[in-house]
Amino acid sequence: MSEVKKIATRDSYGNALVELAQNGADDLVVLDADLAGATKTGIFKKAYPDRHFNCGIAECNMVGVAAGLSTMGLVPFASSFAMFAAGRAFEQIRNSVGYPHLNVKIAATHGGISVGEDGASHQCCEDFALMRSIPGMVVMCPSDDVEAKAAVKAAYAYEGPVYVRFGRLAVPVFHDAAHFSFEIGKGEQLTEGNDVAIIATGLMVNEALIAAESLKAQGIHARVINICTIKPLDEEAVMSAIMDTRRIITVEDHTVMGGLGTAVAEVVAKSGKACVMRMLGHQDEFSTIGLHEDLMSLAKIDANGIADTIAEVMHADFEADDAWDDEF
């Protein structure tokens, strides 16, 4: 059996930028905050040095420069670690990009606890919430190499501000590039199942797939839904999961406040349907220093944690919901 290929989505980002330029994206420019080696924009810099700009360790200024370039008809991708791109430069993204609705793409690498050894100061687990709060901002978090490249190309084609988060660690490539299609705002159902729905984003999607496979031995059939676009959310996919399973588990390498889980909970609340829901992610506390795998286990967002949570919610009783459905 051949070994599954693993690629970090930050590598996918750098390679996708080159592919865009090679295929006629003459208006594409890339900005970085002295982290081209880590964000992988160095791949683009090597191929197109005249279209790569190192703004130094000045992320706020970088976003302002990107905003100015966009008014000249260029399509800038401004890159840094998620902690600095979404956190440090939030005001500039809000006021200089979001408010005038400029065509700027914020590409954030090293999101979540994939930078485990760097500690909580660099583990950005709040970026989805911050970027979701900006009116008109598209928020994406791809799950593997194939989807990451597609998301970068979709972000380039989209007219308006986009935030895309990429991971530091190499993750399995489970999409088939030859048959994969991507659309902003559309989720992707990866497995069949009406017992429970696992709605995951980014690097957590692979963990959800592993959990779903292990649950089969217990007779539990889990529907895995990959949500790359956290905003705008695919509400139709969520509603289908609510109606078919009545049990929803969201999984994200992000705080449970304001991210994917919150977005899905908003749909559940609007649906008026009784639904058992659990949000797996980082609770109201900072993470600690450690290996990524250990921190995932600690936060219960790895495959084992997902499977254990599902085993708990499978005992939920919906007898009271029968009356609710009859009345409404």
Protein backbone atom coordinates (compact mmCIF):
# COMPACT_ATOMS: atom_id res chain seq x y z
CA MET A 1 0.00 0.00 0.00
CA SER A 2 1.46 3.34 -1.07
CA GLU A 3 2.19 5.93 1.61
CA VAL A 4 -0.19 8.91 1.78
CA LYS A 5 1.47 12.09 0.58
CA LYS A 6 1.75 14.84 3.19
CA ILE A 7 2.12 18.52 2.32
CA ALA A 8 1.85 21.62 4.51
CA THR A 9 -0.84 23.99 3.24
CA ARG A 10 1.63 26.89 3.59
CA ASP A 11 3.69 25.16 0.87
CA SER A 12 0.53 24.88 -1.20
CA TYR A 13 0.08 28.65 -0.82
CA GLY A 14 3.51 29.46 -2.19
CA ASN A 15 3.14 27.04 -5.09
CA ALA A 16 -0.35 28.32 -5.95
CA LEU A 17 0.94 31.89 -6.21
CA VAL A 18 3.53 30.77 -8.77
CA GLU A 19 0.90 28.81 -10.71
CA LEU A 20 -1.34 31.87 -10.84
CA ALA A 21 1.48 34.05 -12.19
CA GLN A 22 2.45 31.41 -14.73
CA ASN A 23 -1.14 31.29 -15.97
CA GLY A 24 -1.54 34.98 -16.69
CA ALA A 25 -2.16 36.66 -13.33
CA ASP A 26 -0.03 39.66 -14.30
CA ASP A 27 -1.68 41.87 -11.66
CA LEU A 28 -0.71 39.58 -8.79
CA VAL A 29 1.79 40.94 -6.27
CA VAL A 30 2.93 39.40 -3.00
CA LEU A 31 3.90 41.16 0.21
CA ASP A 32 5.61 39.67 3.24
CA ALA A 33 6.73 40.83 6.67
CA ASP A 34 10.25 39.40 6.68
CA LEU A 35 8.98 35.81 6.87
CA ALA A 36 9.15 34.68 3.25
CA GLY A 37 10.91 31.45 4.17
CA ALA A 38 8.27 30.48 6.73
CA THR A 39 5.18 31.67 4.86
CA LYS A 40 6.56 30.11 1.65
CA THR A 41 6.13 33.29 -0.35
CA GLY A 42 9.83 32.80 -0.97
CA ILE A 43 8.76 30.29 -3.64
CA PHE A 44 7.06 33.16 -5.48
CA LYS A 45 9.95 35.53 -4.80
CA LYS A 46 12.40 33.15 -6.45
CA ALA A 47 10.25 32.94 -9.60
CA TYR A 48 9.05 36.57 -9.71
CA PRO A 49 11.44 38.73 -7.65
CA ASP A 50 10.11 42.00 -9.09
CA ARG A 51 6.61 41.25 -7.81
CA HIS A 52 7.52 40.29 -4.25
CA PHE A 53 7.89 43.01 -1.61
CA ASN A 54 9.40 42.49 1.82
CA CYS A 55 7.82 45.10 4.08
CA GLY A 56 9.97 44.14 7.05
CA ILE A 57 8.70 43.34 10.52
CA ALA A 58 5.90 45.88 10.14
CA GLU A 59 2.67 43.98 9.51
CA CYS A 60 0.39 46.98 9.99
CA ASN A 61 2.33 48.94 7.39
CA MET A 62 2.27 45.92 5.06
CA VAL A 63 -1.54 45.89 5.09
CA GLY A 64 -1.59 49.61 4.35
CA VAL A 65 0.77 49.10 1.42
CA ALA A 66 -1.44 46.25 0.15
CA ALA A 67 -4.49 48.49 0.37
CA GLY A 68 -2.74 51.16 -1.68
CA LEU A 69 -1.59 48.67 -4.31
CA SER A 70 -5.15 47.38 -4.70
CA THR A 71 -6.37 50.87 -5.61
CA MET A 72 -3.93 50.78 -8.53
CA GLY A 73 -5.58 47.71 -10.03
CA LEU A 74 -3.20 45.16 -8.55
CA VAL A 75 -4.23 42.09 -6.54
CA PRO A 76 -1.99 41.96 -3.45
CA PHE A 77 -1.56 38.94 -1.18
CA ALA A 78 -0.23 40.14 2.17
CA SER A 79 1.42 37.35 4.15
CA SER A 80 2.54 36.73 7.71
CA PHE A 81 1.89 34.42 10.64
CA ALA A 82 -1.78 34.39 11.64
CA MET A 83 -0.94 35.94 15.00
CA PHE A 84 0.54 38.99 13.29
CA ALA A 85 -1.65 39.14 10.17
CA ALA A 86 -5.01 38.85 11.93
CA GLY A 87 -3.97 39.98 15.40
CA ARG A 88 -1.41 42.76 15.18
CA ALA A 89 -2.77 44.21 11.94
CA PHE A 90 -6.47 43.89 12.77
CA GLU A 91 -7.14 47.64 12.83
CA GLN A 92 -5.50 48.15 9.44
CA ILE A 93 -7.40 45.22 7.93
CA ARG A 94 -10.66 46.57 9.34
CA ASN A 95 -10.22 50.24 8.42
CA SER A 96 -7.94 50.17 5.38
CA VAL A 97 -9.22 47.00 3.69
CA GLY A 98 -12.62 46.00 5.08
CA TYR A 99 -14.22 49.44 5.41
CA PRO A 100 -13.49 50.50 1.79
CA HIS A 101 -14.00 46.86 0.67
CA LEU A 102 -10.71 46.70 -1.20
CA ASN A 103 -9.44 43.78 -3.24
CA VAL A 104 -6.78 42.66 -0.75
CA LYS A 105 -6.03 39.06 0.23
CA ILE A 106 -4.65 38.35 3.70
CA ALA A 107 -2.76 35.06 3.70
CA ALA A 108 -2.03 33.88 7.23
CA THR A 109 0.24 30.92 7.90
CA HIS A 110 1.05 29.09 11.15
CA GLY A 111 -2.53 29.32 12.39
CA GLY A 112 -3.80 27.53 15.49
CA ILE A 113 -1.63 25.24 17.59
CA SER A 114 0.37 23.93 14.62
CA VAL A 115 3.11 26.20 16.03
CA GLY A 116 2.93 24.28 19.31
CA GLU A 117 6.55 24.69 20.40
CA ASP A 118 6.37 28.48 19.99
CA GLY A 119 3.81 28.83 22.77
CA ALA A 120 0.60 30.79 23.20
CA SER A 121 2.12 34.08 22.01
CA HIS A 122 2.33 32.62 18.49
CA GLN A 123 -0.58 30.16 18.58
CA CYS A 124 -3.28 32.25 16.96
CA CYS A 125 -6.61 30.66 17.89
CA GLU A 126 -8.72 33.81 17.51
CA ASP A 127 -8.28 34.73 13.85
CA PHE A 128 -11.55 33.29 12.51
CA ALA A 129 -13.51 35.28 15.08
CA LEU A 130 -11.62 38.48 14.32
CA MET A 131 -11.96 38.19 10.56
CA ARG A 132 -15.62 37.03 10.69
CA SER A 133 -16.43 40.25 12.52
CA ILE A 134 -15.32 42.43 9.59
CA PRO A 135 -18.25 43.16 7.24
CA GLY A 136 -17.76 41.74 3.76
CA MET A 137 -14.68 39.68 4.65
CA VAL A 138 -14.49 36.15 3.23
CA VAL A 139 -12.82 33.71 5.66
CA MET A 140 -11.33 30.42 4.46
CA CYS A 141 -9.27 27.60 5.96
CA PRO A 142 -8.37 24.79 3.53
CA SER A 143 -7.84 21.20 4.64
CA ASP A 144 -5.11 19.86 2.34
CA ASP A 145 -2.78 20.72 -0.53
CA VAL A 146 -5.37 20.38 -3.28
CA GLU A 147 -7.97 22.48 -1.52
CA ALA A 148 -5.40 25.07 -0.43
CA LYS A 149 -4.27 25.71 -3.99
CA ALA A 150 -7.90 25.96 -5.11
CA ALA A 151 -8.69 28.39 -2.29
CA VAL A 152 -5.77 30.66 -3.24
CA LYS A 153 -6.90 30.73 -6.86
CA ALA A 154 -10.52 31.37 -5.83
CA ALA A 155 -9.37 34.19 -3.55
CA TYR A 156 -7.49 35.78 -6.44
CA ALA A 157 -10.56 35.57 -8.70
CA TYR A 158 -12.87 36.99 -6.03
CA GLU A 159 -13.35 40.77 -6.04
CA GLY A 160 -13.08 41.90 -2.44
CA PRO A 161 -11.23 41.23 0.83
CA VAL A 162 -10.36 37.62 1.67
CA TYR A 163 -8.64 36.03 4.66
CA VAL A 164 -7.11 32.57 4.17
CA ARG A 165 -5.45 30.58 6.96
CA PHE A 166 -2.74 28.00 6.21
CA GLY A 167 -1.08 25.47 8.51
CA ARG A 168 2.53 24.90 9.41
CA LEU A 169 2.58 21.10 9.51
CA ALA A 170 2.46 18.62 6.65
CA VAL A 171 -0.96 16.95 6.46
CA PRO A 172 -2.32 14.10 4.31
CA VAL A 173 -3.57 14.96 0.84
CA PHE A 174 -6.95 13.26 0.57
CA HIS A 175 -8.47 15.18 -2.34
CA ASP A 176 -8.09 14.01 -5.92
CA ALA A 177 -6.89 17.04 -7.85
CA ALA A 178 -8.21 15.68 -11.15
CA HIS A 179 -11.80 15.57 -9.89
CA PHE A 180 -11.87 18.34 -7.27
CA SER A 181 -13.89 21.49 -7.75
CA PHE A 182 -13.98 24.43 -5.37
CA GLU A 183 -16.42 27.26 -4.82
CA ILE A 184 -16.30 29.95 -2.17
CA GLY A 185 -19.19 29.48 0.26
CA LYS A 186 -19.78 25.80 -0.50
CA GLY A 187 -19.11 22.96 1.93
CA GLU A 188 -18.13 19.46 0.92
CA GLN A 189 -19.65 16.23 2.21
CA LEU A 190 -16.89 13.66 2.41
CA THR A 191 -18.69 10.67 3.95
CA GLU A 192 -22.23 9.36 4.16
CA GLY A 193 -23.96 9.03 7.52
CA ASN A 194 -27.16 10.00 9.29
CA ASP A 195 -26.24 9.21 12.91
CA VAL A 196 -24.12 12.30 13.52
CA ALA A 197 -22.53 15.08 11.49
CA ILE A 198 -18.93 16.17 12.02
CA ILE A 199 -18.44 19.65 10.61
CA ALA A 200 -14.74 20.44 10.46
CA THR A 201 -12.38 22.97 8.93
CA GLY A 202 -8.71 23.11 8.01
CA LEU A 203 -6.33 20.56 9.46
CA MET A 204 -9.14 19.11 11.59
CA VAL A 205 -10.89 17.61 8.54
CA ASN A 206 -8.42 14.75 8.30
CA GLU A 207 -8.89 14.06 12.03
CA ALA A 208 -12.65 13.98 11.45
CA LEU A 209 -12.23 11.45 8.66
CA ILE A 210 -10.12 9.20 10.90
CA ALA A 211 -12.70 9.48 13.68
CA ALA A 212 -15.55 8.64 11.30
CA GLU A 213 -13.74 5.53 10.12
CA SER A 214 -13.11 4.34 13.68
CA LEU A 215 -16.76 4.90 14.64
CA LYS A 216 -17.93 2.40 12.04
CA ALA A 217 -16.77 -0.40 14.32
CA GLN A 218 -19.32 0.84 16.86
CA GLY A 219 -22.08 0.93 14.27
CA ILE A 220 -22.05 4.72 14.17
CA HIS A 221 -22.20 6.29 10.71
CA ALA A 222 -20.83 9.81 10.77
CA ARG A 223 -21.31 12.37 8.03
CA VAL A 224 -18.13 14.39 7.63
CA ILE A 225 -18.59 17.87 6.18
CA ASN A 226 -15.54 19.87 5.16
CA ILE A 227 -16.10 23.60 5.60
CA CYS A 228 -13.30 25.53 3.96
CA THR A 229 -15.31 28.75 3.75
CA ILE A 230 -16.24 29.71 7.29
CA LYS A 231 -17.71 32.97 5.99
CA PRO A 232 -19.97 32.94 4.07
CA LEU A 233 -21.02 29.63 5.61
CA ASP A 234 -22.79 26.94 3.60
CA GLU A 235 -26.03 27.09 5.60
CA GLU A 236 -27.75 24.61 3.30
CA ALA A 237 -25.19 21.91 4.16
CA VAL A 238 -25.59 22.66 7.87
CA MET A 239 -29.39 22.58 7.67
CA SER A 240 -29.27 19.25 5.86
CA ALA A 241 -27.06 17.86 8.63
CA ILE A 242 -29.44 19.17 11.30
CA MET A 243 -32.50 17.61 9.68
CA ASP A 244 -30.85 14.28 8.84
CA THR A 245 -28.82 13.64 12.00
CA ARG A 246 -29.96 15.97 14.81
CA ARG A 247 -26.44 15.62 16.20
CA ILE A 248 -23.76 18.10 15.22
CA ILE A 249 -20.08 18.16 16.23
CA THR A 250 -17.95 21.08 15.05
CA VAL A 251 -14.16 20.76 15.11
CA GLU A 252 -11.66 23.58 14.67
CA ASP A 253 -8.13 24.50 15.70
CA HIS A 254 -9.52 27.75 17.09
CA THR A 255 -11.30 29.03 20.14
CA VAL A 256 -14.90 27.80 20.43
CA MET A 257 -15.97 31.44 20.58
CA GLY A 258 -16.59 33.23 17.31
CA GLY A 259 -15.29 30.70 14.80
CA LEU A 260 -16.75 27.76 12.91
CA GLY A 261 -18.66 26.40 15.91
CA THR A 262 -20.31 29.75 16.54
CA ALA A 263 -21.22 30.12 12.86
CA VAL A 264 -22.84 26.67 12.82
CA ALA A 265 -24.61 27.34 16.15
CA GLU A 266 -26.17 30.44 14.61
CA VAL A 267 -27.70 28.26 11.91
CA VAL A 268 -28.90 25.74 14.48
CA ALA A 269 -30.55 28.53 16.47
CA LYS A 270 -32.28 29.94 13.39
CA SER A 271 -33.51 26.51 12.34
CA GLY A 272 -35.86 26.17 15.30
CA LYS A 273 -35.06 22.46 15.45
CA ALA A 274 -33.91 20.57 18.50
CA CYS A 275 -30.35 19.49 17.90
CA VAL A 276 -27.62 18.15 20.15
CA MET A 277 -24.49 20.14 19.38
CA ARG A 278 -20.95 20.08 20.69
CA MET A 279 -18.22 22.54 19.73
CA LEU A 280 -14.72 21.08 19.85
CA GLY A 281 -11.91 23.59 19.86
CA HIS A 282 -9.93 25.60 22.37
CA GLN A 283 -11.89 26.61 25.44
CA ASP A 284 -11.63 29.96 27.22
CA GLU A 285 -7.93 29.58 27.97
CA PHE A 286 -4.59 29.83 26.26
CA SER A 287 -2.85 26.66 25.15
CA THR A 288 0.58 25.65 26.37
CA ILE A 289 3.94 24.80 24.81
CA GLY A 290 4.25 21.34 23.32
CA LEU A 291 4.16 19.15 20.26
CA HIS A 292 1.23 19.76 17.97
CA GLU A 293 -0.05 16.20 18.38
CA ASP A 294 0.02 16.45 22.17
CA LEU A 295 -1.77 19.80 22.20
CA MET A 296 -4.46 18.45 19.89
CA SER A 297 -5.03 15.54 22.25
CA LEU A 298 -5.14 17.90 25.22
CA ALA A 299 -7.79 20.02 23.48
CA LYS A 300 -9.68 16.86 22.41
CA ILE A 301 -9.67 17.92 18.77
CA ASP A 302 -7.74 14.91 17.50
CA ALA A 303 -9.47 11.83 16.07
CA ASN A 304 -9.73 10.16 19.48
CA GLY A 305 -11.23 13.25 21.08
CA ILE A 306 -13.77 13.59 18.27
CA ALA A 307 -14.78 9.92 18.51
CA ASP A 308 -15.13 10.11 22.30
CA THR A 309 -17.38 13.17 22.07
CA ILE A 310 -19.56 11.50 19.46
CA ALA A 311 -19.95 8.42 21.66
CA GLU A 312 -21.34 10.75 24.35
CA VAL A 313 -23.84 12.59 22.15
CA MET A 314 -25.17 9.39 20.60
CA HIS A 315 -27.12 8.84 23.82
CA ALA A 316 -29.14 12.05 23.36
CA ASP A 317 -32.93 11.61 23.55
CA PHE A 318 -35.16 13.35 21.02
CA GLU A 319 -38.56 12.28 22.33
CA ALA A 320 -39.37 15.85 23.32
CA ASP A 321 -38.62 17.01 19.81
CA ASP A 322 -41.51 15.01 18.36
CA ALA A 323 -43.98 17.37 19.98
CA TRP A 324 -41.98 20.36 18.77
CA ASP A 325 -42.14 19.15 15.17
CA ASP A 326 -45.88 18.47 15.43
CA GLU A 327 -46.53 21.99 16.71
CA PHE A 328 -44.28 23.87 14.33
